[in-house]
Amino acid sequence: MQPTALIADDDTYTLFFMEQILQPAGMQVLRAEDGLQALEILQEVVPSIIFLDLLMPRLSGLDVINFIMENRLLRDVPVVIVTAHNRERFVQFPQVARADAYLLKPIRPQDIREFARQAAGR
């Protein structure tokens, strides 16, 4: 079965950029343009890895992480926060501690490929 990555970000460039990195790495890519779309996808699919922006319209990435933490099927899915905001801005939120990694934009393609490789090997 092909590993699946969910990318949730309200920036269309980031969605496109990450998709162009993940597809050649053998990942099926699901895209969500806001937190609510991400939740809708997560109610249907258990991805191999989730790349998540924190500040999105309709529902924040923090709310999405809450859903992940409360769902027994999603609890062990790696979550990589991909954001333009420094970690100190969100350090008081326990959801950030749940994330497996915290990447600041601009992101490096090799970092995304490495996380995808690790998730595919689980």
PDB file of N, CA and C in Angstrom:
ATOM      1  N   MET A   1       0.832  -1.182   0.000  1.00  0.00           N
ATOM      2  CA  MET A   1       0.000   0.000   0.000  1.00  0.00           C
ATOM      3  C   MET A   1       0.879   1.249   0.000  1.00  0.00           C
ATOM      4  N   GLN A   2       0.541   2.210  -0.827  1.00  0.00           N
ATOM      5  CA  GLN A   2       1.320   3.431  -0.970  1.00  0.00           C
ATOM      6  C   GLN A   2       1.162   4.318   0.266  1.00  0.00           C
ATOM      7  N   PRO A   3       2.270   4.820   0.841  1.00  0.00           N
ATOM      8  CA  PRO A   3       2.154   5.724   1.978  1.00  0.00           C
ATOM      9  C   PRO A   3       1.473   7.029   1.566  1.00  0.00           C
ATOM     10  N   THR A   4       0.749   7.615   2.509  1.00  0.00           N
ATOM     11  CA  THR A   4      -0.046   8.808   2.234  1.00  0.00           C
ATOM     12  C   THR A   4       0.393   9.952   3.132  1.00  0.00           C
ATOM     13  N   ALA A   5       0.519  11.131   2.551  1.00  0.00           N
ATOM     14  CA  ALA A   5       0.830  12.342   3.304  1.00  0.00           C
ATOM     15  C   ALA A   5      -0.343  13.302   3.191  1.00  0.00           C
ATOM     16  N   LEU A   6      -0.767  13.851   4.319  1.00  0.00           N
ATOM     17  CA  LEU A   6      -1.736  14.932   4.321  1.00  0.00           C
ATOM     18  C   LEU A   6      -0.968  16.225   4.535  1.00  0.00           C
ATOM     19  N   ILE A   7      -1.176  17.175   3.621  1.00  0.00           N
ATOM     20  CA  ILE A   7      -0.597  18.511   3.753  1.00  0.00           C
ATOM     21  C   ILE A   7      -1.751  19.460   4.010  1.00  0.00           C
ATOM     22  N   ALA A   8      -1.722  20.155   5.139  1.00  0.00           N
ATOM     23  CA  ALA A   8      -2.763  21.129   5.469  1.00  0.00           C
ATOM     24  C   ALA A   8      -2.109  22.493   5.612  1.00  0.00           C
ATOM     25  N   ASP A   9      -2.417  23.371   4.669  1.00  0.00           N
ATOM     26  CA  ASP A   9      -1.826  24.712   4.664  1.00  0.00           C
ATOM     27  C   ASP A   9      -2.708  25.623   3.824  1.00  0.00           C
ATOM     28  N   ASP A  10      -2.899  26.843   4.268  1.00  0.00           N
ATOM     29  CA  ASP A  10      -3.729  27.779   3.504  1.00  0.00           C
ATOM     30  C   ASP A  10      -2.942  28.505   2.422  1.00  0.00           C
ATOM     31  N   ASP A  11      -1.650  28.253   2.333  1.00  0.00           N
ATOM     32  CA  ASP A  11      -0.813  28.855   1.302  1.00  0.00           C
ATOM     33  C   ASP A  11      -0.700  27.891   0.124  1.00  0.00           C
ATOM     34  N   THR A  12      -1.260  28.271  -1.019  1.00  0.00           N
ATOM     35  CA  THR A  12      -1.281  27.364  -2.170  1.00  0.00           C
ATOM     36  C   THR A  12       0.127  27.062  -2.683  1.00  0.00           C
ATOM     37  N   TYR A  13       1.050  28.014  -2.549  1.00  0.00           N
ATOM     38  CA  TYR A  13       2.427  27.751  -2.970  1.00  0.00           C
ATOM     39  C   TYR A  13       3.035  26.632  -2.121  1.00  0.00           C
ATOM     40  N   THR A  14       2.830  26.680  -0.820  1.00  0.00           N
ATOM     41  CA  THR A  14       3.373  25.639   0.056  1.00  0.00           C
ATOM     42  C   THR A  14       2.772  24.280  -0.295  1.00  0.00           C
ATOM     43  N   LEU A  15       1.470  24.238  -0.540  1.00  0.00           N
ATOM     44  CA  LEU A  15       0.826  22.981  -0.930  1.00  0.00           C
ATOM     45  C   LEU A  15       1.469  22.419  -2.196  1.00  0.00           C
ATOM     46  N   PHE A  16       1.624  23.271  -3.199  1.00  0.00           N
ATOM     47  CA  PHE A  16       2.210  22.848  -4.471  1.00  0.00           C
ATOM     48  C   PHE A  16       3.662  22.395  -4.275  1.00  0.00           C
ATOM     49  N   PHE A  17       4.445  23.200  -3.573  1.00  0.00           N
ATOM     50  CA  PHE A  17       5.858  22.918  -3.323  1.00  0.00           C
ATOM     51  C   PHE A  17       6.031  21.562  -2.645  1.00  0.00           C
ATOM     52  N   MET A  18       5.278  21.325  -1.581  1.00  0.00           N
ATOM     53  CA  MET A  18       5.412  20.082  -0.838  1.00  0.00           C
ATOM     54  C   MET A  18       4.924  18.884  -1.658  1.00  0.00           C
ATOM     55  N   GLU A  19       3.869  19.089  -2.413  1.00  0.00           N
ATOM     56  CA  GLU A  19       3.363  18.020  -3.274  1.00  0.00           C
ATOM     57  C   GLU A  19       4.430  17.610  -4.294  1.00  0.00           C
ATOM     58  N   GLN A  20       5.146  18.598  -4.832  1.00  0.00           N
ATOM     59  CA  GLN A  20       6.193  18.323  -5.816  1.00  0.00           C
ATOM     60  C   GLN A  20       7.379  17.588  -5.202  1.00  0.00           C
ATOM     61  N   ILE A  21       7.545  17.672  -3.909  1.00  0.00           N
ATOM     62  CA  ILE A  21       8.606  16.942  -3.216  1.00  0.00           C
ATOM     63  C   ILE A  21       8.138  15.536  -2.849  1.00  0.00           C
ATOM     64  N   LEU A  22       6.914  15.428  -2.369  1.00  0.00           N
ATOM     65  CA  LEU A  22       6.419  14.162  -1.814  1.00  0.00           C
ATOM     66  C   LEU A  22       6.008  13.144  -2.872  1.00  0.00           C
ATOM     67  N   GLN A  23       5.402  13.579  -3.955  1.00  0.00           N
ATOM     68  CA  GLN A  23       4.963  12.622  -4.977  1.00  0.00           C
ATOM     69  C   GLN A  23       6.125  11.847  -5.590  1.00  0.00           C
ATOM     70  N   PRO A  24       7.214  12.511  -5.999  1.00  0.00           N
ATOM     71  CA  PRO A  24       8.347  11.742  -6.535  1.00  0.00           C
ATOM     72  C   PRO A  24       8.995  10.825  -5.490  1.00  0.00           C
ATOM     73  N   ALA A  25       8.752  11.114  -4.206  1.00  0.00           N
ATOM     74  CA  ALA A  25       9.276  10.267  -3.132  1.00  0.00           C
ATOM     75  C   ALA A  25       8.376   9.059  -2.886  1.00  0.00           C
ATOM     76  N   GLY A  26       7.329   8.910  -3.704  1.00  0.00           N
ATOM     77  CA  GLY A  26       6.453   7.744  -3.606  1.00  0.00           C
ATOM     78  C   GLY A  26       5.260   7.907  -2.685  1.00  0.00           C
ATOM     79  N   MET A  27       4.960   9.123  -2.299  1.00  0.00           N
ATOM     80  CA  MET A  27       3.839   9.362  -1.398  1.00  0.00           C
ATOM     81  C   MET A  27       2.594   9.772  -2.187  1.00  0.00           C
ATOM     82  N   GLN A  28       1.460   9.238  -1.781  1.00  0.00           N
ATOM     83  CA  GLN A  28       0.186   9.769  -2.260  1.00  0.00           C
ATOM     84  C   GLN A  28      -0.065  11.023  -1.424  1.00  0.00           C
ATOM     85  N   VAL A  29      -0.468  12.117  -2.061  1.00  0.00           N
ATOM     86  CA  VAL A  29      -0.624  13.390  -1.364  1.00  0.00           C
ATOM     87  C   VAL A  29      -2.091  13.797  -1.319  1.00  0.00           C
ATOM     88  N   LEU A  30      -2.544  14.110  -0.113  1.00  0.00           N
ATOM     89  CA  LEU A  30      -3.870  14.683   0.110  1.00  0.00           C
ATOM     90  C   LEU A  30      -3.656  16.122   0.546  1.00  0.00           C
ATOM     91  N   ARG A  31      -4.437  17.033  -0.023  1.00  0.00           N
ATOM     92  CA  ARG A  31      -4.268  18.453   0.260  1.00  0.00           C
ATOM     93  C   ARG A  31      -5.485  19.006   0.984  1.00  0.00           C
ATOM     94  N   ALA A  32      -5.230  19.838   1.988  1.00  0.00           N
ATOM     95  CA  ALA A  32      -6.294  20.555   2.693  1.00  0.00           C
ATOM     96  C   ALA A  32      -5.887  22.024   2.749  1.00  0.00           C
ATOM     97  N   GLU A  33      -6.810  22.905   2.345  1.00  0.00           N
ATOM     98  CA  GLU A  33      -6.496  24.330   2.311  1.00  0.00           C
ATOM     99  C   GLU A  33      -6.869  25.053   3.597  1.00  0.00           C
ATOM    100  N   ASP A  34      -7.419  24.327   4.549  1.00  0.00           N
ATOM    101  CA  ASP A  34      -7.698  24.896   5.865  1.00  0.00           C
ATOM    102  C   ASP A  34      -7.882  23.756   6.861  1.00  0.00           C
ATOM    103  N   GLY A  35      -8.013  24.114   8.125  1.00  0.00           N
ATOM    104  CA  GLY A  35      -8.130  23.100   9.164  1.00  0.00           C
ATOM    105  C   GLY A  35      -9.386  22.262   9.066  1.00  0.00           C
ATOM    106  N   LEU A  36     -10.481  22.865   8.623  1.00  0.00           N
ATOM    107  CA  LEU A  36     -11.729  22.118   8.500  1.00  0.00           C
ATOM    108  C   LEU A  36     -11.624  21.045   7.419  1.00  0.00           C
ATOM    109  N   GLN A  37     -11.017  21.375   6.292  1.00  0.00           N
ATOM    110  CA  GLN A  37     -10.788  20.366   5.251  1.00  0.00           C
ATOM    111  C   GLN A  37      -9.888  19.255   5.762  1.00  0.00           C
ATOM    112  N   ALA A  38      -8.890  19.609   6.560  1.00  0.00           N
ATOM    113  CA  ALA A  38      -8.001  18.598   7.130  1.00  0.00           C
ATOM    114  C   ALA A  38      -8.792  17.633   8.006  1.00  0.00           C
ATOM    115  N   LEU A  39      -9.681  18.157   8.845  1.00  0.00           N
ATOM    116  CA  LEU A  39     -10.513  17.287   9.693  1.00  0.00           C
ATOM    117  C   LEU A  39     -11.396  16.378   8.865  1.00  0.00           C
ATOM    118  N   GLU A  40     -11.975  16.913   7.808  1.00  0.00           N
ATOM    119  CA  GLU A  40     -12.834  16.099   6.944  1.00  0.00           C
ATOM    120  C   GLU A  40     -12.040  14.934   6.349  1.00  0.00           C
ATOM    121  N   ILE A  41     -10.823  15.201   5.925  1.00  0.00           N
ATOM    122  CA  ILE A  41      -9.980  14.145   5.362  1.00  0.00           C
ATOM    123  C   ILE A  41      -9.620  13.129   6.446  1.00  0.00           C
ATOM    124  N   LEU A  42      -9.264  13.619   7.626  1.00  0.00           N
ATOM    125  CA  LEU A  42      -8.837  12.730   8.711  1.00  0.00           C
ATOM    126  C   LEU A  42      -9.973  11.863   9.251  1.00  0.00           C
ATOM    127  N   GLN A  43     -11.195  12.234   8.977  1.00  0.00           N
ATOM    128  CA  GLN A  43     -12.322  11.388   9.369  1.00  0.00           C
ATOM    129  C   GLN A  43     -12.500  10.216   8.409  1.00  0.00           C
ATOM    130  N   GLU A  44     -11.858  10.289   7.251  1.00  0.00           N
ATOM    131  CA  GLU A  44     -11.971   9.251   6.234  1.00  0.00           C
ATOM    132  C   GLU A  44     -10.685   8.448   6.028  1.00  0.00           C
ATOM    133  N   VAL A  45      -9.541   9.070   6.284  1.00  0.00           N
ATOM    134  CA  VAL A  45      -8.251   8.481   5.937  1.00  0.00           C
ATOM    135  C   VAL A  45      -7.294   8.593   7.128  1.00  0.00           C
ATOM    136  N   VAL A  46      -6.508   7.553   7.335  1.00  0.00           N
ATOM    137  CA  VAL A  46      -5.413   7.608   8.307  1.00  0.00           C
ATOM    138  C   VAL A  46      -4.114   7.705   7.499  1.00  0.00           C
ATOM    139  N   PRO A  47      -3.556   8.907   7.380  1.00  0.00           N
ATOM    140  CA  PRO A  47      -2.346   9.058   6.569  1.00  0.00           C
ATOM    141  C   PRO A  47      -1.118   8.495   7.275  1.00  0.00           C
ATOM    142  N   SER A  48      -0.047   8.361   6.529  1.00  0.00           N
ATOM    143  CA  SER A  48       1.226   7.914   7.081  1.00  0.00           C
ATOM    144  C   SER A  48       1.925   9.040   7.827  1.00  0.00           C
ATOM    145  N   ILE A  49       1.667  10.279   7.386  1.00  0.00           N
ATOM    146  CA  ILE A  49       2.278  11.464   7.990  1.00  0.00           C
ATOM    147  C   ILE A  49       1.386  12.672   7.702  1.00  0.00           C
ATOM    148  N   ILE A  50       1.438  13.666   8.607  1.00  0.00           N
ATOM    149  CA  ILE A  50       0.656  14.890   8.446  1.00  0.00           C
ATOM    150  C   ILE A  50       1.608  16.077   8.532  1.00  0.00           C
ATOM    151  N   PHE A  51       1.585  16.916   7.506  1.00  0.00           N
ATOM    152  CA  PHE A  51       2.310  18.184   7.502  1.00  0.00           C
ATOM    153  C   PHE A  51       1.269  19.266   7.729  1.00  0.00           C
ATOM    154  N   LEU A  52       1.443  20.077   8.777  1.00  0.00           N
ATOM    155  CA  LEU A  52       0.355  20.922   9.253  1.00  0.00           C
ATOM    156  C   LEU A  52       0.818  22.343   9.548  1.00  0.00           C
ATOM    157  N   ASP A  53       0.161  23.303   8.925  1.00  0.00           N
ATOM    158  CA  ASP A  53       0.349  24.710   9.269  1.00  0.00           C
ATOM    159  C   ASP A  53      -0.455  24.989  10.535  1.00  0.00           C
ATOM    160  N   LEU A  54      -0.029  25.944  11.336  1.00  0.00           N
ATOM    161  CA  LEU A  54      -0.754  26.233  12.575  1.00  0.00           C
ATOM    162  C   LEU A  54      -1.864  27.266  12.393  1.00  0.00           C
ATOM    163  N   LEU A  55      -1.591  28.302  11.607  1.00  0.00           N
ATOM    164  CA  LEU A  55      -2.574  29.372  11.443  1.00  0.00           C
ATOM    165  C   LEU A  55      -3.259  29.237  10.093  1.00  0.00           C
ATOM    166  N   MET A  56      -4.483  28.709  10.130  1.00  0.00           N
ATOM    167  CA  MET A  56      -5.268  28.501   8.916  1.00  0.00           C
ATOM    168  C   MET A  56      -6.683  29.005   9.162  1.00  0.00           C
ATOM    169  N   PRO A  57      -7.399  29.339   8.086  1.00  0.00           N
ATOM    170  CA  PRO A  57      -8.793  29.770   8.252  1.00  0.00           C
ATOM    171  C   PRO A  57      -9.711  28.620   8.656  1.00  0.00           C
ATOM    172  N   ARG A  58     -10.843  28.967   9.170  1.00  0.00           N
ATOM    173  CA  ARG A  58     -11.941  28.085   9.566  1.00  0.00           C
ATOM    174  C   ARG A  58     -11.601  27.182  10.748  1.00  0.00           C
ATOM    175  N   LEU A  59     -10.391  26.701  10.868  1.00  0.00           N
ATOM    176  CA  LEU A  59      -9.990  25.868  12.000  1.00  0.00           C
ATOM    177  C   LEU A  59      -8.458  25.864  12.037  1.00  0.00           C
ATOM    178  N   SER A  60      -7.898  26.119  13.197  1.00  0.00           N
ATOM    179  CA  SER A  60      -6.434  26.221  13.295  1.00  0.00           C
ATOM    180  C   SER A  60      -5.780  24.841  13.303  1.00  0.00           C
ATOM    181  N   GLY A  61      -4.488  24.839  13.056  1.00  0.00           N
ATOM    182  CA  GLY A  61      -3.723  23.618  13.161  1.00  0.00           C
ATOM    183  C   GLY A  61      -3.721  23.068  14.584  1.00  0.00           C
ATOM    184  N   LEU A  62      -3.811  23.952  15.566  1.00  0.00           N
ATOM    185  CA  LEU A  62      -3.887  23.506  16.961  1.00  0.00           C
ATOM    186  C   LEU A  62      -5.155  22.690  17.193  1.00  0.00           C
ATOM    187  N   ASP A  63      -6.263  23.123  16.595  1.00  0.00           N
ATOM    188  CA  ASP A  63      -7.512  22.369  16.707  1.00  0.00           C
ATOM    189  C   ASP A  63      -7.409  21.013  16.007  1.00  0.00           C
ATOM    190  N   VAL A  64      -6.707  20.988  14.889  1.00  0.00           N
ATOM    191  CA  VAL A  64      -6.512  19.724  14.173  1.00  0.00           C
ATOM    192  C   VAL A  64      -5.688  18.768  15.040  1.00  0.00           C
ATOM    193  N   ILE A  65      -4.657  19.288  15.695  1.00  0.00           N
ATOM    194  CA  ILE A  65      -3.848  18.436  16.575  1.00  0.00           C
ATOM    195  C   ILE A  65      -4.700  17.909  17.734  1.00  0.00           C
ATOM    196  N   ASN A  66      -5.592  18.734  18.273  1.00  0.00           N
ATOM    197  CA  ASN A  66      -6.505  18.247  19.320  1.00  0.00           C
ATOM    198  C   ASN A  66      -7.292  17.039  18.826  1.00  0.00           C
ATOM    199  N   PHE A  67      -7.823  17.136  17.613  1.00  0.00           N
ATOM    200  CA  PHE A  67      -8.581  16.028  17.026  1.00  0.00           C
ATOM    201  C   PHE A  67      -7.710  14.784  16.901  1.00  0.00           C
ATOM    202  N   ILE A  68      -6.478  14.972  16.441  1.00  0.00           N
ATOM    203  CA  ILE A  68      -5.546  13.861  16.270  1.00  0.00           C
ATOM    204  C   ILE A  68      -5.271  13.193  17.620  1.00  0.00           C
ATOM    205  N   MET A  69      -5.039  13.989  18.644  1.00  0.00           N
ATOM    206  CA  MET A  69      -4.719  13.460  19.972  1.00  0.00           C
ATOM    207  C   MET A  69      -5.895  12.684  20.576  1.00  0.00           C
ATOM    208  N   GLU A  70      -7.108  13.063  20.221  1.00  0.00           N
ATOM    209  CA  GLU A  70      -8.295  12.423  20.782  1.00  0.00           C
ATOM    210  C   GLU A  70      -8.758  11.206  19.979  1.00  0.00           C
ATOM    211  N   ASN A  71      -8.188  10.987  18.806  1.00  0.00           N
ATOM    212  CA  ASN A  71      -8.616   9.905  17.929  1.00  0.00           C
ATOM    213  C   ASN A  71      -7.608   8.757  18.016  1.00  0.00           C
ATOM    214  N   ARG A  72      -8.063   7.608  18.501  1.00  0.00           N
ATOM    215  CA  ARG A  72      -7.134   6.488  18.716  1.00  0.00           C
ATOM    216  C   ARG A  72      -6.481   6.001  17.430  1.00  0.00           C
ATOM    217  N   LEU A  73      -7.135   6.169  16.286  1.00  0.00           N
ATOM    218  CA  LEU A  73      -6.554   5.729  15.012  1.00  0.00           C
ATOM    219  C   LEU A  73      -5.455   6.679  14.526  1.00  0.00           C
ATOM    220  N   LEU A  74      -5.509   7.919  14.967  1.00  0.00           N
ATOM    221  CA  LEU A  74      -4.569   8.930  14.484  1.00  0.00           C
ATOM    222  C   LEU A  74      -3.455   9.250  15.472  1.00  0.00           C
ATOM    223  N   ARG A  75      -3.605   8.810  16.700  1.00  0.00           N
ATOM    224  CA  ARG A  75      -2.679   9.174  17.778  1.00  0.00           C
ATOM    225  C   ARG A  75      -1.207   8.963  17.442  1.00  0.00           C
ATOM    226  N   ASP A  76      -0.914   7.908  16.713  1.00  0.00           N
ATOM    227  CA  ASP A  76       0.484   7.570  16.436  1.00  0.00           C
ATOM    228  C   ASP A  76       0.991   8.068  15.081  1.00  0.00           C
ATOM    229  N   VAL A  77       0.151   8.786  14.357  1.00  0.00           N
ATOM    230  CA  VAL A  77       0.575   9.327  13.058  1.00  0.00           C
ATOM    231  C   VAL A  77       1.537  10.488  13.301  1.00  0.00           C
ATOM    232  N   PRO A  78       2.706  10.477  12.669  1.00  0.00           N
ATOM    233  CA  PRO A  78       3.646  11.594  12.840  1.00  0.00           C
ATOM    234  C   PRO A  78       3.039  12.904  12.328  1.00  0.00           C
ATOM    235  N   VAL A  79       3.236  13.966  13.112  1.00  0.00           N
ATOM    236  CA  VAL A  79       2.771  15.304  12.747  1.00  0.00           C
ATOM    237  C   VAL A  79       3.987  16.223  12.664  1.00  0.00           C
ATOM    238  N   VAL A  80       4.138  16.862  11.509  1.00  0.00           N
ATOM    239  CA  VAL A  80       5.212  17.824  11.305  1.00  0.00           C
ATOM    240  C   VAL A  80       4.561  19.193  11.117  1.00  0.00           C
ATOM    241  N   ILE A  81       4.827  20.090  12.061  1.00  0.00           N
ATOM    242  CA  ILE A  81       4.316  21.456  11.932  1.00  0.00           C
ATOM    243  C   ILE A  81       5.213  22.191  10.948  1.00  0.00           C
ATOM    244  N   VAL A  82       4.576  22.844   9.973  1.00  0.00           N
ATOM    245  CA  VAL A  82       5.283  23.638   8.964  1.00  0.00           C
ATOM    246  C   VAL A  82       4.656  25.028   9.012  1.00  0.00           C
ATOM    247  N   THR A  83       5.402  25.999   9.518  1.00  0.00           N
ATOM    248  CA  THR A  83       4.817  27.318   9.750  1.00  0.00           C
ATOM    249  C   THR A  83       5.846  28.425   9.552  1.00  0.00           C
ATOM    250  N   ALA A  84       5.352  29.629   9.373  1.00  0.00           N
ATOM    251  CA  ALA A  84       6.218  30.802   9.257  1.00  0.00           C
ATOM    252  C   ALA A  84       6.447  31.458  10.616  1.00  0.00           C
ATOM    253  N   HIS A  85       5.859  30.893  11.658  1.00  0.00           N
ATOM    254  CA  HIS A  85       5.913  31.512  12.983  1.00  0.00           C
ATOM    255  C   HIS A  85       6.843  30.759  13.914  1.00  0.00           C
ATOM    256  N   ASN A  86       7.674  31.516  14.598  1.00  0.00           N
ATOM    257  CA  ASN A  86       8.640  30.954  15.515  1.00  0.00           C
ATOM    258  C   ASN A  86       7.963  30.124  16.604  1.00  0.00           C
ATOM    259  N   ARG A  87       8.614  29.066  17.015  1.00  0.00           N
ATOM    260  CA  ARG A  87       8.063  28.142  18.012  1.00  0.00           C
ATOM    261  C   ARG A  87       7.703  28.833  19.332  1.00  0.00           C
ATOM    262  N   GLU A  88       8.465  29.850  19.721  1.00  0.00           N
ATOM    263  CA  GLU A  88       8.206  30.536  20.981  1.00  0.00           C
ATOM    264  C   GLU A  88       6.797  31.140  21.024  1.00  0.00           C
ATOM    265  N   ARG A  89       6.273  31.493  19.894  1.00  0.00           N
ATOM    266  CA  ARG A  89       4.920  32.063  19.837  1.00  0.00           C
ATOM    267  C   ARG A  89       3.866  31.037  20.283  1.00  0.00           C
ATOM    268  N   PHE A  90       4.165  29.756  20.132  1.00  0.00           N
ATOM    269  CA  PHE A  90       3.188  28.702  20.416  1.00  0.00           C
ATOM    270  C   PHE A  90       3.619  27.769  21.544  1.00  0.00           C
ATOM    271  N   VAL A  91       4.709  28.070  22.213  1.00  0.00           N
ATOM    272  CA  VAL A  91       5.262  27.155  23.210  1.00  0.00           C
ATOM    273  C   VAL A  91       4.279  26.857  24.349  1.00  0.00           C
ATOM    274  N   GLN A  92       3.373  27.773  24.645  1.00  0.00           N
ATOM    275  CA  GLN A  92       2.431  27.556  25.744  1.00  0.00           C
ATOM    276  C   GLN A  92       1.303  26.588  25.375  1.00  0.00           C
ATOM    277  N   PHE A  93       1.186  26.223  24.118  1.00  0.00           N
ATOM    278  CA  PHE A  93       0.123  25.315  23.681  1.00  0.00           C
ATOM    279  C   PHE A  93       0.613  23.863  23.740  1.00  0.00           C
ATOM    280  N   PRO A  94      -0.069  22.999  24.491  1.00  0.00           N
ATOM    281  CA  PRO A  94       0.385  21.596  24.605  1.00  0.00           C
ATOM    282  C   PRO A  94       0.339  20.846  23.275  1.00  0.00           C
ATOM    283  N   GLN A  95      -0.475  21.310  22.339  1.00  0.00           N
ATOM    284  CA  GLN A  95      -0.561  20.636  21.043  1.00  0.00           C
ATOM    285  C   GLN A  95       0.783  20.666  20.311  1.00  0.00           C
ATOM    286  N   VAL A  96       1.553  21.734  20.518  1.00  0.00           N
ATOM    287  CA  VAL A  96       2.844  21.852  19.845  1.00  0.00           C
ATOM    288  C   VAL A  96       3.791  20.764  20.337  1.00  0.00           C
ATOM    289  N   ALA A  97       3.690  20.414  21.625  1.00  0.00           N
ATOM    290  CA  ALA A  97       4.534  19.351  22.172  1.00  0.00           C
ATOM    291  C   ALA A  97       4.191  18.004  21.544  1.00  0.00           C
ATOM    292  N   ARG A  98       2.961  17.826  21.055  1.00  0.00           N
ATOM    293  CA  ARG A  98       2.549  16.572  20.407  1.00  0.00           C
ATOM    294  C   ARG A  98       3.243  16.382  19.061  1.00  0.00           C
ATOM    295  N   ALA A  99       3.624  17.467  18.422  1.00  0.00           N
ATOM    296  CA  ALA A  99       4.228  17.380  17.089  1.00  0.00           C
ATOM    297  C   ALA A  99       5.570  16.658  17.146  1.00  0.00           C
ATOM    298  N   ASP A 100       5.846  15.900  16.110  1.00  0.00           N
ATOM    299  CA  ASP A 100       7.107  15.177  16.010  1.00  0.00           C
ATOM    300  C   ASP A 100       8.237  16.080  15.522  1.00  0.00           C
ATOM    301  N   ALA A 101       7.879  17.171  14.848  1.00  0.00           N
ATOM    302  CA  ALA A 101       8.878  18.124  14.362  1.00  0.00           C
ATOM    303  C   ALA A 101       8.208  19.479  14.147  1.00  0.00           C
ATOM    304  N   TYR A 102       9.019  20.517  14.155  1.00  0.00           N
ATOM    305  CA  TYR A 102       8.544  21.890  13.971  1.00  0.00           C
ATOM    306  C   TYR A 102       9.484  22.541  12.966  1.00  0.00           C
ATOM    307  N   LEU A 103       8.991  22.784  11.747  1.00  0.00           N
ATOM    308  CA  LEU A 103       9.811  23.373  10.688  1.00  0.00           C
ATOM    309  C   LEU A 103       9.353  24.783  10.382  1.00  0.00           C
ATOM    310  N   LEU A 104      10.314  25.692  10.310  1.00  0.00           N
ATOM    311  CA  LEU A 104      10.016  27.067   9.928  1.00  0.00           C
ATOM    312  C   LEU A 104      10.138  27.227   8.417  1.00  0.00           C
ATOM    313  N   LYS A 105       9.177  27.941   7.839  1.00  0.00           N
ATOM    314  CA  LYS A 105       9.260  28.265   6.416  1.00  0.00           C
ATOM    315  C   LYS A 105      10.315  29.355   6.254  1.00  0.00           C
ATOM    316  N   PRO A 106      11.066  29.355   5.189  1.00  0.00           N
ATOM    317  CA  PRO A 106      11.009  28.411   4.071  1.00  0.00           C
ATOM    318  C   PRO A 106      11.615  27.065   4.467  1.00  0.00           C
ATOM    319  N   ILE A 107      10.974  26.025   4.017  1.00  0.00           N
ATOM    320  CA  ILE A 107      11.396  24.676   4.367  1.00  0.00           C
ATOM    321  C   ILE A 107      12.360  24.129   3.314  1.00  0.00           C
ATOM    322  N   ARG A 108      13.190  23.220   3.748  1.00  0.00           N
ATOM    323  CA  ARG A 108      14.156  22.607   2.841  1.00  0.00           C
ATOM    324  C   ARG A 108      13.575  21.299   2.299  1.00  0.00           C
ATOM    325  N   PRO A 109      13.641  21.095   0.993  1.00  0.00           N
ATOM    326  CA  PRO A 109      13.105  19.858   0.404  1.00  0.00           C
ATOM    327  C   PRO A 109      13.662  18.594   1.050  1.00  0.00           C
ATOM    328  N   GLN A 110      14.939  18.596   1.393  1.00  0.00           N
ATOM    329  CA  GLN A 110      15.528  17.388   1.979  1.00  0.00           C
ATOM    330  C   GLN A 110      14.908  17.065   3.337  1.00  0.00           C
ATOM    331  N   ASP A 111      14.469  18.070   4.101  1.00  0.00           N
ATOM    332  CA  ASP A 111      13.797  17.804   5.374  1.00  0.00           C
ATOM    333  C   ASP A 111      12.454  17.109   5.148  1.00  0.00           C
ATOM    334  N   ILE A 112      11.704  17.585   4.173  1.00  0.00           N
ATOM    335  CA  ILE A 112      10.400  16.992   3.861  1.00  0.00           C
ATOM    336  C   ILE A 112      10.591  15.554   3.374  1.00  0.00           C
ATOM    337  N   ARG A 113      11.563  15.340   2.497  1.00  0.00           N
ATOM    338  CA  ARG A 113      11.833  13.977   1.996  1.00  0.00           C
ATOM    339  C   ARG A 113      12.226  13.037   3.134  1.00  0.00           C
ATOM    340  N   GLU A 114      13.032  13.522   4.063  1.00  0.00           N
ATOM    341  CA  GLU A 114      13.480  12.675   5.175  1.00  0.00           C
ATOM    342  C   GLU A 114      12.302  12.278   6.070  1.00  0.00           C
ATOM    343  N   PHE A 115      11.426  13.213   6.392  1.00  0.00           N
ATOM    344  CA  PHE A 115      10.253  12.874   7.203  1.00  0.00           C
ATOM    345  C   PHE A 115       9.339  11.900   6.461  1.00  0.00           C
ATOM    346  N   ALA A 116       9.186  12.093   5.161  1.00  0.00           N
ATOM    347  CA  ALA A 116       8.356  11.183   4.360  1.00  0.00           C
ATOM    348  C   ALA A 116       8.964   9.783   4.344  1.00  0.00           C
ATOM    349  N   ARG A 117      10.285   9.698   4.197  1.00  0.00           N
ATOM    350  CA  ARG A 117      10.967   8.405   4.192  1.00  0.00           C
ATOM    351  C   ARG A 117      10.782   7.683   5.526  1.00  0.00           C
ATOM    352  N   GLN A 118      10.923   8.414   6.612  1.00  0.00           N
ATOM    353  CA  GLN A 118      10.738   7.812   7.935  1.00  0.00           C
ATOM    354  C   GLN A 118       9.313   7.322   8.118  1.00  0.00           C
ATOM    355  N   ALA A 119       8.345   8.115   7.684  1.00  0.00           N
ATOM    356  CA  ALA A 119       6.933   7.731   7.836  1.00  0.00           C
ATOM    357  C   ALA A 119       6.602   6.509   6.982  1.00  0.00           C
ATOM    358  N   ALA A 120       7.164   6.453   5.783  1.00  0.00           N
ATOM    359  CA  ALA A 120       6.911   5.308   4.900  1.00  0.00           C
ATOM    360  C   ALA A 120       7.512   4.032   5.460  1.00  0.00           C
ATOM    361  N   GLY A 121       8.586   4.157   6.224  1.00  0.00           N
ATOM    362  CA  GLY A 121       9.251   2.989   6.779  1.00  0.00           C
ATOM    363  C   GLY A 121       8.642   2.464   8.058  1.00  0.00           C
ATOM    364  N   ARG A 122       7.648   3.138   8.597  1.00  0.00           N
ATOM    365  CA  ARG A 122       6.997   2.698   9.857  1.00  0.00           C
ATOM    366  C   ARG A 122       6.215   1.449   9.655  1.00  0.00           C
TER     367      ARG A 122
END
